[in-house]
Amino acid sequence: MNARLIITGNVQGVGFRAFVRNRAIKNNITGWVKNLDDGSVEALLSGSQENLDKLIEITRRGTPWSKVSDVVVTYSEDREEYSLFEIIS
């Protein structure tokens, strides 16, 4: 299962991508995370539904330095294969 997330709020310049990457690795999620030009962050997560749900909830809470306004989640049955979780530009 894949989930595409668009995270809005104060989520750039506060270590948010590294936070998502670290939590993804801990939850056996592969994929990527990147900053978008509009100030939001996009992530593509691939893993089990249970692990996706955990990571999405963690993402909604954010870090002590971030302020998440919204997380829009779109699920897909596509199983793009990722061997790791990375921060892309």
PDB file of N, CA and C in Angstrom:
ATOM      1  N   MET A   1       0.861  -1.179   0.000  1.00  0.00           N
ATOM      2  CA  MET A   1       0.000   0.000   0.000  1.00  0.00           C
ATOM      3  C   MET A   1       0.900   1.232   0.000  1.00  0.00           C
ATOM      4  N   ASN A   2       0.510   2.234  -0.766  1.00  0.00           N
ATOM      5  CA  ASN A   2       1.220   3.511  -0.792  1.00  0.00           C
ATOM      6  C   ASN A   2       0.307   4.621  -0.292  1.00  0.00           C
ATOM      7  N   ALA A   3       0.923   5.607   0.311  1.00  0.00           N
ATOM      8  CA  ALA A   3       0.191   6.802   0.730  1.00  0.00           C
ATOM      9  C   ALA A   3       1.010   8.016   0.328  1.00  0.00           C
ATOM     10  N   ARG A   4       0.348   8.976  -0.318  1.00  0.00           N
ATOM     11  CA  ARG A   4       0.984  10.249  -0.668  1.00  0.00           C
ATOM     12  C   ARG A   4       0.463  11.290   0.306  1.00  0.00           C
ATOM     13  N   LEU A   5       1.379  11.997   0.954  1.00  0.00           N
ATOM     14  CA  LEU A   5       1.015  12.997   1.942  1.00  0.00           C
ATOM     15  C   LEU A   5       1.452  14.376   1.469  1.00  0.00           C
ATOM     16  N   ILE A   6       0.586  15.344   1.682  1.00  0.00           N
ATOM     17  CA  ILE A   6       0.948  16.756   1.534  1.00  0.00           C
ATOM     18  C   ILE A   6       0.763  17.370   2.913  1.00  0.00           C
ATOM     19  N   ILE A   7       1.877  17.821   3.494  1.00  0.00           N
ATOM     20  CA  ILE A   7       1.868  18.361   4.852  1.00  0.00           C
ATOM     21  C   ILE A   7       2.057  19.864   4.775  1.00  0.00           C
ATOM     22  N   THR A   8       1.120  20.610   5.340  1.00  0.00           N
ATOM     23  CA  THR A   8       1.204  22.068   5.312  1.00  0.00           C
ATOM     24  C   THR A   8       1.391  22.610   6.720  1.00  0.00           C
ATOM     25  N   GLY A   9       1.848  23.849   6.784  1.00  0.00           N
ATOM     26  CA  GLY A   9       2.117  24.510   8.050  1.00  0.00           C
ATOM     27  C   GLY A   9       3.559  24.981   8.068  1.00  0.00           C
ATOM     28  N   ASN A  10       4.117  25.151   9.255  1.00  0.00           N
ATOM     29  CA  ASN A  10       5.523  25.523   9.394  1.00  0.00           C
ATOM     30  C   ASN A  10       6.335  24.230   9.409  1.00  0.00           C
ATOM     31  N   VAL A  11       6.632  23.716   8.213  1.00  0.00           N
ATOM     32  CA  VAL A  11       7.261  22.397   8.094  1.00  0.00           C
ATOM     33  C   VAL A  11       8.550  22.420   7.273  1.00  0.00           C
ATOM     34  N   GLN A  12       9.008  23.592   6.881  1.00  0.00           N
ATOM     35  CA  GLN A  12      10.286  23.689   6.173  1.00  0.00           C
ATOM     36  C   GLN A  12      11.267  24.467   7.031  1.00  0.00           C
ATOM     37  N   GLY A  13      12.535  24.039   6.996  1.00  0.00           N
ATOM     38  CA  GLY A  13      13.573  24.711   7.761  1.00  0.00           C
ATOM     39  C   GLY A  13      13.558  24.381   9.246  1.00  0.00           C
ATOM     40  N   VAL A  14      12.852  23.298   9.618  1.00  0.00           N
ATOM     41  CA  VAL A  14      12.726  22.920  11.028  1.00  0.00           C
ATOM     42  C   VAL A  14      13.080  21.443  11.254  1.00  0.00           C
ATOM     43  N   GLY A  15      13.771  20.828  10.298  1.00  0.00           N
ATOM     44  CA  GLY A  15      14.162  19.425  10.429  1.00  0.00           C
ATOM     45  C   GLY A  15      13.039  18.438  10.193  1.00  0.00           C
ATOM     46  N   PHE A  16      11.971  18.888   9.539  1.00  0.00           N
ATOM     47  CA  PHE A  16      10.791  18.038   9.377  1.00  0.00           C
ATOM     48  C   PHE A  16      11.058  16.837   8.474  1.00  0.00           C
ATOM     49  N   ARG A  17      11.773  17.048   7.365  1.00  0.00           N
ATOM     50  CA  ARG A  17      12.044  15.924   6.450  1.00  0.00           C
ATOM     51  C   ARG A  17      12.889  14.852   7.132  1.00  0.00           C
ATOM     52  N   ALA A  18      13.908  15.261   7.885  1.00  0.00           N
ATOM     53  CA  ALA A  18      14.742  14.292   8.601  1.00  0.00           C
ATOM     54  C   ALA A  18      13.918  13.549   9.655  1.00  0.00           C
ATOM     55  N   PHE A  19      13.014  14.270  10.312  1.00  0.00           N
ATOM     56  CA  PHE A  19      12.108  13.663  11.292  1.00  0.00           C
ATOM     57  C   PHE A  19      11.251  12.580  10.626  1.00  0.00           C
ATOM     58  N   VAL A  20      10.656  12.890   9.473  1.00  0.00           N
ATOM     59  CA  VAL A  20       9.815  11.921   8.761  1.00  0.00           C
ATOM     60  C   VAL A  20      10.662  10.719   8.342  1.00  0.00           C
ATOM     61  N   ARG A  21      11.861  10.981   7.811  1.00  0.00           N
ATOM     62  CA  ARG A  21      12.741   9.897   7.376  1.00  0.00           C
ATOM     63  C   ARG A  21      13.083   8.968   8.544  1.00  0.00           C
ATOM     64  N   ASN A  22      13.478   9.532   9.659  1.00  0.00           N
ATOM     65  CA  ASN A  22      13.848   8.710  10.821  1.00  0.00           C
ATOM     66  C   ASN A  22      12.681   7.872  11.310  1.00  0.00           C
ATOM     67  N   ARG A  23      11.503   8.470  11.380  1.00  0.00           N
ATOM     68  CA  ARG A  23      10.319   7.728  11.843  1.00  0.00           C
ATOM     69  C   ARG A  23       9.890   6.675  10.818  1.00  0.00           C
ATOM     70  N   ALA A  24      10.049   6.976   9.540  1.00  0.00           N
ATOM     71  CA  ALA A  24       9.714   5.999   8.501  1.00  0.00           C
ATOM     72  C   ALA A  24      10.591   4.757   8.644  1.00  0.00           C
ATOM     73  N   ILE A  25      11.883   4.970   8.823  1.00  0.00           N
ATOM     74  CA  ILE A  25      12.807   3.845   8.971  1.00  0.00           C
ATOM     75  C   ILE A  25      12.432   3.004  10.191  1.00  0.00           C
ATOM     76  N   LYS A  26      12.096   3.650  11.293  1.00  0.00           N
ATOM     77  CA  LYS A  26      11.712   2.929  12.517  1.00  0.00           C
ATOM     78  C   LYS A  26      10.422   2.140  12.332  1.00  0.00           C
ATOM     79  N   ASN A  27       9.571   2.567  11.392  1.00  0.00           N
ATOM     80  CA  ASN A  27       8.278   1.911  11.172  1.00  0.00           C
ATOM     81  C   ASN A  27       8.242   1.064   9.897  1.00  0.00           C
ATOM     82  N   ASN A  28       9.418   0.691   9.392  1.00  0.00           N
ATOM     83  CA  ASN A  28       9.510  -0.174   8.201  1.00  0.00           C
ATOM     84  C   ASN A  28       8.762   0.385   6.994  1.00  0.00           C
ATOM     85  N   ILE A  29       8.889   1.695   6.789  1.00  0.00           N
ATOM     86  CA  ILE A  29       8.281   2.368   5.648  1.00  0.00           C
ATOM     87  C   ILE A  29       9.395   2.761   4.690  1.00  0.00           C
ATOM     88  N   THR A  30       9.171   2.546   3.396  1.00  0.00           N
ATOM     89  CA  THR A  30      10.106   3.016   2.381  1.00  0.00           C
ATOM     90  C   THR A  30       9.447   4.128   1.585  1.00  0.00           C
ATOM     91  N   GLY A  31      10.233   4.851   0.791  1.00  0.00           N
ATOM     92  CA  GLY A  31       9.707   5.931  -0.039  1.00  0.00           C
ATOM     93  C   GLY A  31      10.595   7.146   0.019  1.00  0.00           C
ATOM     94  N   TRP A  32       9.972   8.316   0.032  1.00  0.00           N
ATOM     95  CA  TRP A  32      10.743   9.561   0.019  1.00  0.00           C
ATOM     96  C   TRP A  32       9.946  10.715   0.610  1.00  0.00           C
ATOM     97  N   VAL A  33      10.669  11.805   0.899  1.00  0.00           N
ATOM     98  CA  VAL A  33      10.063  13.043   1.392  1.00  0.00           C
ATOM     99  C   VAL A  33      10.809  14.207   0.763  1.00  0.00           C
ATOM    100  N   LYS A  34      10.082  15.278   0.427  1.00  0.00           N
ATOM    101  CA  LYS A  34      10.726  16.448  -0.179  1.00  0.00           C
ATOM    102  C   LYS A  34       9.949  17.718   0.137  1.00  0.00           C
ATOM    103  N   ASN A  35      10.669  18.842   0.077  1.00  0.00           N
ATOM    104  CA  ASN A  35      10.046  20.156   0.206  1.00  0.00           C
ATOM    105  C   ASN A  35       9.406  20.531  -1.119  1.00  0.00           C
ATOM    106  N   LEU A  36       8.289  21.234  -1.050  1.00  0.00           N
ATOM    107  CA  LEU A  36       7.644  21.781  -2.240  1.00  0.00           C
ATOM    108  C   LEU A  36       7.829  23.298  -2.259  1.00  0.00           C
ATOM    109  N   ASP A  37       7.739  23.873  -3.444  1.00  0.00           N
ATOM    110  CA  ASP A  37       7.973  25.308  -3.616  1.00  0.00           C
ATOM    111  C   ASP A  37       6.992  26.182  -2.837  1.00  0.00           C
ATOM    112  N   ASP A  38       5.812  25.655  -2.532  1.00  0.00           N
ATOM    113  CA  ASP A  38       4.793  26.454  -1.838  1.00  0.00           C
ATOM    114  C   ASP A  38       4.965  26.447  -0.314  1.00  0.00           C
ATOM    115  N   GLY A  39       6.032  25.824   0.185  1.00  0.00           N
ATOM    116  CA  GLY A  39       6.285  25.793   1.621  1.00  0.00           C
ATOM    117  C   GLY A  39       5.783  24.539   2.313  1.00  0.00           C
ATOM    118  N   SER A  40       5.112  23.665   1.571  1.00  0.00           N
ATOM    119  CA  SER A  40       4.630  22.416   2.154  1.00  0.00           C
ATOM    120  C   SER A  40       5.667  21.310   1.933  1.00  0.00           C
ATOM    121  N   VAL A  41       5.386  20.154   2.475  1.00  0.00           N
ATOM    122  CA  VAL A  41       6.248  18.983   2.329  1.00  0.00           C
ATOM    123  C   VAL A  41       5.407  17.863   1.735  1.00  0.00           C
ATOM    124  N   GLU A  42       5.984  17.137   0.778  1.00  0.00           N
ATOM    125  CA  GLU A  42       5.315  15.987   0.168  1.00  0.00           C
ATOM    126  C   GLU A  42       6.076  14.731   0.552  1.00  0.00           C
ATOM    127  N   ALA A  43       5.349  13.657   0.830  1.00  0.00           N
ATOM    128  CA  ALA A  43       5.977  12.374   1.137  1.00  0.00           C
ATOM    129  C   ALA A  43       5.228  11.270   0.417  1.00  0.00           C
ATOM    130  N   LEU A  44       5.975  10.295  -0.073  1.00  0.00           N
ATOM    131  CA  LEU A  44       5.380   9.082  -0.620  1.00  0.00           C
ATOM    132  C   LEU A  44       5.835   7.940   0.273  1.00  0.00           C
ATOM    133  N   LEU A  45       4.878   7.285   0.901  1.00  0.00           N
ATOM    134  CA  LEU A  45       5.166   6.234   1.865  1.00  0.00           C
ATOM    135  C   LEU A  45       4.687   4.896   1.319  1.00  0.00           C
ATOM    136  N   SER A  46       5.492   3.871   1.507  1.00  0.00           N
ATOM    137  CA  SER A  46       5.130   2.537   1.056  1.00  0.00           C
ATOM    138  C   SER A  46       5.360   1.550   2.192  1.00  0.00           C
ATOM    139  N   GLY A  47       4.307   0.798   2.529  1.00  0.00           N
ATOM    140  CA  GLY A  47       4.415  -0.174   3.613  1.00  0.00           C
ATOM    141  C   GLY A  47       3.059  -0.760   3.946  1.00  0.00           C
ATOM    142  N   SER A  48       2.984  -1.462   5.074  1.00  0.00           N
ATOM    143  CA  SER A  48       1.713  -2.059   5.490  1.00  0.00           C
ATOM    144  C   SER A  48       0.758  -0.957   5.958  1.00  0.00           C
ATOM    145  N   GLN A  49      -0.528  -1.241   5.896  1.00  0.00           N
ATOM    146  CA  GLN A  49      -1.533  -0.258   6.326  1.00  0.00           C
ATOM    147  C   GLN A  49      -1.305   0.138   7.781  1.00  0.00           C
ATOM    148  N   GLU A  50      -0.992  -0.828   8.628  1.00  0.00           N
ATOM    149  CA  GLU A  50      -0.769  -0.544  10.047  1.00  0.00           C
ATOM    150  C   GLU A  50       0.413   0.412  10.235  1.00  0.00           C
ATOM    151  N   ASN A  51       1.509   0.155   9.531  1.00  0.00           N
ATOM    152  CA  ASN A  51       2.685   1.018   9.662  1.00  0.00           C
ATOM    153  C   ASN A  51       2.447   2.389   9.048  1.00  0.00           C
ATOM    154  N   LEU A  52       1.701   2.441   7.942  1.00  0.00           N
ATOM    155  CA  LEU A  52       1.355   3.732   7.344  1.00  0.00           C
ATOM    156  C   LEU A  52       0.529   4.557   8.322  1.00  0.00           C
ATOM    157  N   ASP A  53      -0.469   3.929   8.942  1.00  0.00           N
ATOM    158  CA  ASP A  53      -1.323   4.647   9.899  1.00  0.00           C
ATOM    159  C   ASP A  53      -0.498   5.239  11.037  1.00  0.00           C
ATOM    160  N   LYS A  54       0.462   4.456  11.558  1.00  0.00           N
ATOM    161  CA  LYS A  54       1.320   4.941  12.642  1.00  0.00           C
ATOM    162  C   LYS A  54       2.115   6.163  12.196  1.00  0.00           C
ATOM    163  N   LEU A  55       2.735   6.065  11.011  1.00  0.00           N
ATOM    164  CA  LEU A  55       3.584   7.161  10.549  1.00  0.00           C
ATOM    165  C   LEU A  55       2.759   8.403  10.208  1.00  0.00           C
ATOM    166  N   ILE A  56       1.581   8.221   9.659  1.00  0.00           N
ATOM    167  CA  ILE A  56       0.720   9.370   9.344  1.00  0.00           C
ATOM    168  C   ILE A  56       0.336  10.096  10.634  1.00  0.00           C
ATOM    169  N   GLU A  57       0.022   9.365  11.680  1.00  0.00           N
ATOM    170  CA  GLU A  57      -0.323   9.991  12.961  1.00  0.00           C
ATOM    171  C   GLU A  57       0.877  10.743  13.535  1.00  0.00           C
ATOM    172  N   ILE A  58       2.056  10.153  13.452  1.00  0.00           N
ATOM    173  CA  ILE A  58       3.281  10.816  13.910  1.00  0.00           C
ATOM    174  C   ILE A  58       3.506  12.101  13.114  1.00  0.00           C
ATOM    175  N   THR A  59       3.275  12.031  11.811  1.00  0.00           N
ATOM    176  CA  THR A  59       3.456  13.194  10.936  1.00  0.00           C
ATOM    177  C   THR A  59       2.487  14.312  11.301  1.00  0.00           C
ATOM    178  N   ARG A  60       1.258  13.966  11.645  1.00  0.00           N
ATOM    179  CA  ARG A  60       0.268  14.979  12.041  1.00  0.00           C
ATOM    180  C   ARG A  60       0.715  15.736  13.295  1.00  0.00           C
ATOM    181  N   ARG A  61       1.393  15.055  14.217  1.00  0.00           N
ATOM    182  CA  ARG A  61       1.876  15.712  15.439  1.00  0.00           C
ATOM    183  C   ARG A  61       3.103  16.573  15.170  1.00  0.00           C
ATOM    184  N   GLY A  62       3.961  16.133  14.236  1.00  0.00           N
ATOM    185  CA  GLY A  62       5.150  16.901  13.879  1.00  0.00           C
ATOM    186  C   GLY A  62       6.222  16.882  14.961  1.00  0.00           C
ATOM    187  N   THR A  63       7.132  17.844  14.864  1.00  0.00           N
ATOM    188  CA  THR A  63       8.250  17.963  15.797  1.00  0.00           C
ATOM    189  C   THR A  63       7.983  19.139  16.735  1.00  0.00           C
ATOM    190  N   PRO A  64       8.786  19.276  17.790  1.00  0.00           N
ATOM    191  CA  PRO A  64       8.625  20.449  18.659  1.00  0.00           C
ATOM    192  C   PRO A  64       8.863  21.774  17.927  1.00  0.00           C
ATOM    193  N   TRP A  65       9.596  21.744  16.814  1.00  0.00           N
ATOM    194  CA  TRP A  65       9.940  22.967  16.087  1.00  0.00           C
ATOM    195  C   TRP A  65       9.013  23.248  14.920  1.00  0.00           C
ATOM    196  N   SER A  66       8.164  22.278  14.583  1.00  0.00           N
ATOM    197  CA  SER A  66       7.250  22.465  13.457  1.00  0.00           C
ATOM    198  C   SER A  66       5.850  22.748  13.976  1.00  0.00           C
ATOM    199  N   LYS A  67       5.002  23.243  13.070  1.00  0.00           N
ATOM    200  CA  LYS A  67       3.586  23.419  13.376  1.00  0.00           C
ATOM    201  C   LYS A  67       2.808  22.924  12.168  1.00  0.00           C
ATOM    202  N   VAL A  68       2.284  21.714  12.278  1.00  0.00           N
ATOM    203  CA  VAL A  68       1.547  21.097  11.174  1.00  0.00           C
ATOM    204  C   VAL A  68       0.126  21.639  11.167  1.00  0.00           C
ATOM    205  N   SER A  69      -0.271  22.229  10.037  1.00  0.00           N
ATOM    206  CA  SER A  69      -1.644  22.721   9.893  1.00  0.00           C
ATOM    207  C   SER A  69      -2.576  21.635   9.383  1.00  0.00           C
ATOM    208  N   ASP A  70      -2.090  20.853   8.399  1.00  0.00           N
ATOM    209  CA  ASP A  70      -2.947  19.838   7.783  1.00  0.00           C
ATOM    210  C   ASP A  70      -2.076  18.776   7.137  1.00  0.00           C
ATOM    211  N   VAL A  71      -2.613  17.554   7.066  1.00  0.00           N
ATOM    212  CA  VAL A  71      -1.986  16.463   6.331  1.00  0.00           C
ATOM    213  C   VAL A  71      -3.063  15.871   5.429  1.00  0.00           C
ATOM    214  N   VAL A  72      -2.886  16.012   4.124  1.00  0.00           N
ATOM    215  CA  VAL A  72      -3.820  15.440   3.154  1.00  0.00           C
ATOM    216  C   VAL A  72      -3.214  14.125   2.677  1.00  0.00           C
ATOM    217  N   VAL A  73      -3.974  13.029   2.839  1.00  0.00           N
ATOM    218  CA  VAL A  73      -3.489  11.697   2.516  1.00  0.00           C
ATOM    219  C   VAL A  73      -4.279  11.136   1.343  1.00  0.00           C
ATOM    220  N   THR A  74      -3.559  10.625   0.354  1.00  0.00           N
ATOM    221  CA  THR A  74      -4.164   9.934  -0.780  1.00  0.00           C
ATOM    222  C   THR A  74      -3.563   8.537  -0.839  1.00  0.00           C
ATOM    223  N   TYR A  75      -4.413   7.515  -0.758  1.00  0.00           N
ATOM    224  CA  TYR A  75      -3.934   6.126  -0.789  1.00  0.00           C
ATOM    225  C   TYR A  75      -3.947   5.594  -2.212  1.00  0.00           C
ATOM    226  N   SER A  76      -3.041   4.669  -2.468  1.00  0.00           N
ATOM    227  CA  SER A  76      -2.936   4.039  -3.777  1.00  0.00           C
ATOM    228  C   SER A  76      -2.558   2.579  -3.575  1.00  0.00           C
ATOM    229  N   GLU A  77      -3.092   1.730  -4.418  1.00  0.00           N
ATOM    230  CA  GLU A  77      -2.727   0.310  -4.374  1.00  0.00           C
ATOM    231  C   GLU A  77      -1.418   0.058  -5.113  1.00  0.00           C
ATOM    232  N   ASP A  78      -0.925   1.058  -5.849  1.00  0.00           N
ATOM    233  CA  ASP A  78       0.353   0.897  -6.539  1.00  0.00           C
ATOM    234  C   ASP A  78       1.406   0.463  -5.545  1.00  0.00           C
ATOM    235  N   ARG A  79       2.234  -0.476  -5.932  1.00  0.00           N
ATOM    236  CA  ARG A  79       3.322  -0.908  -5.065  1.00  0.00           C
ATOM    237  C   ARG A  79       4.637  -0.575  -5.759  1.00  0.00           C
ATOM    238  N   GLU A  80       4.920   0.705  -5.871  1.00  0.00           N
ATOM    239  CA  GLU A  80       6.233   1.083  -6.362  1.00  0.00           C
ATOM    240  C   GLU A  80       7.228   0.542  -5.363  1.00  0.00           C
ATOM    241  N   GLU A  81       8.308  -0.017  -5.862  1.00  0.00           N
ATOM    242  CA  GLU A  81       9.286  -0.633  -4.972  1.00  0.00           C
ATOM    243  C   GLU A  81      10.369   0.363  -4.592  1.00  0.00           C
ATOM    244  N   TYR A  82      10.531   0.560  -3.332  1.00  0.00           N
ATOM    245  CA  TYR A  82      11.595   1.396  -2.781  1.00  0.00           C
ATOM    246  C   TYR A  82      12.393   0.524  -1.824  1.00  0.00           C
ATOM    247  N   SER A  83      13.700   0.656  -1.892  1.00  0.00           N
ATOM    248  CA  SER A  83      14.525  -0.175  -1.012  1.00  0.00           C
ATOM    249  C   SER A  83      14.855   0.545   0.291  1.00  0.00           C
ATOM    250  N   LEU A  84      14.600   1.848   0.336  1.00  0.00           N
ATOM    251  CA  LEU A  84      14.924   2.647   1.522  1.00  0.00           C
ATOM    252  C   LEU A  84      14.021   3.853   1.574  1.00  0.00           C
ATOM    253  N   PHE A  85      14.247   4.689   2.567  1.00  0.00           N
ATOM    254  CA  PHE A  85      13.500   5.945   2.667  1.00  0.00           C
ATOM    255  C   PHE A  85      14.506   7.073   2.563  1.00  0.00           C
ATOM    256  N   GLU A  86      14.251   8.005   1.626  1.00  0.00           N
ATOM    257  CA  GLU A  86      15.230   9.055   1.412  1.00  0.00           C
ATOM    258  C   GLU A  86      14.595  10.433   1.339  1.00  0.00           C
ATOM    259  N   ILE A  87      15.437  11.416   1.607  1.00  0.00           N
ATOM    260  CA  ILE A  87      15.075  12.826   1.431  1.00  0.00           C
ATOM    261  C   ILE A  87      15.527  13.201   0.041  1.00  0.00           C
ATOM    262  N   ILE A  88      14.596  13.705  -0.772  1.00  0.00           N
ATOM    263  CA  ILE A  88      14.961  14.126  -2.130  1.00  0.00           C
ATOM    264  C   ILE A  88      14.726  15.624  -2.266  1.00  0.00           C
ATOM    265  N   SER A  89      15.385  16.192  -3.272  1.00  0.00           N
ATOM    266  CA  SER A  89      15.237  17.647  -3.466  1.00  0.00           C
ATOM    267  C   SER A  89      14.351  17.934  -4.657  1.00  0.00           C
TER     268      SER A  89
END
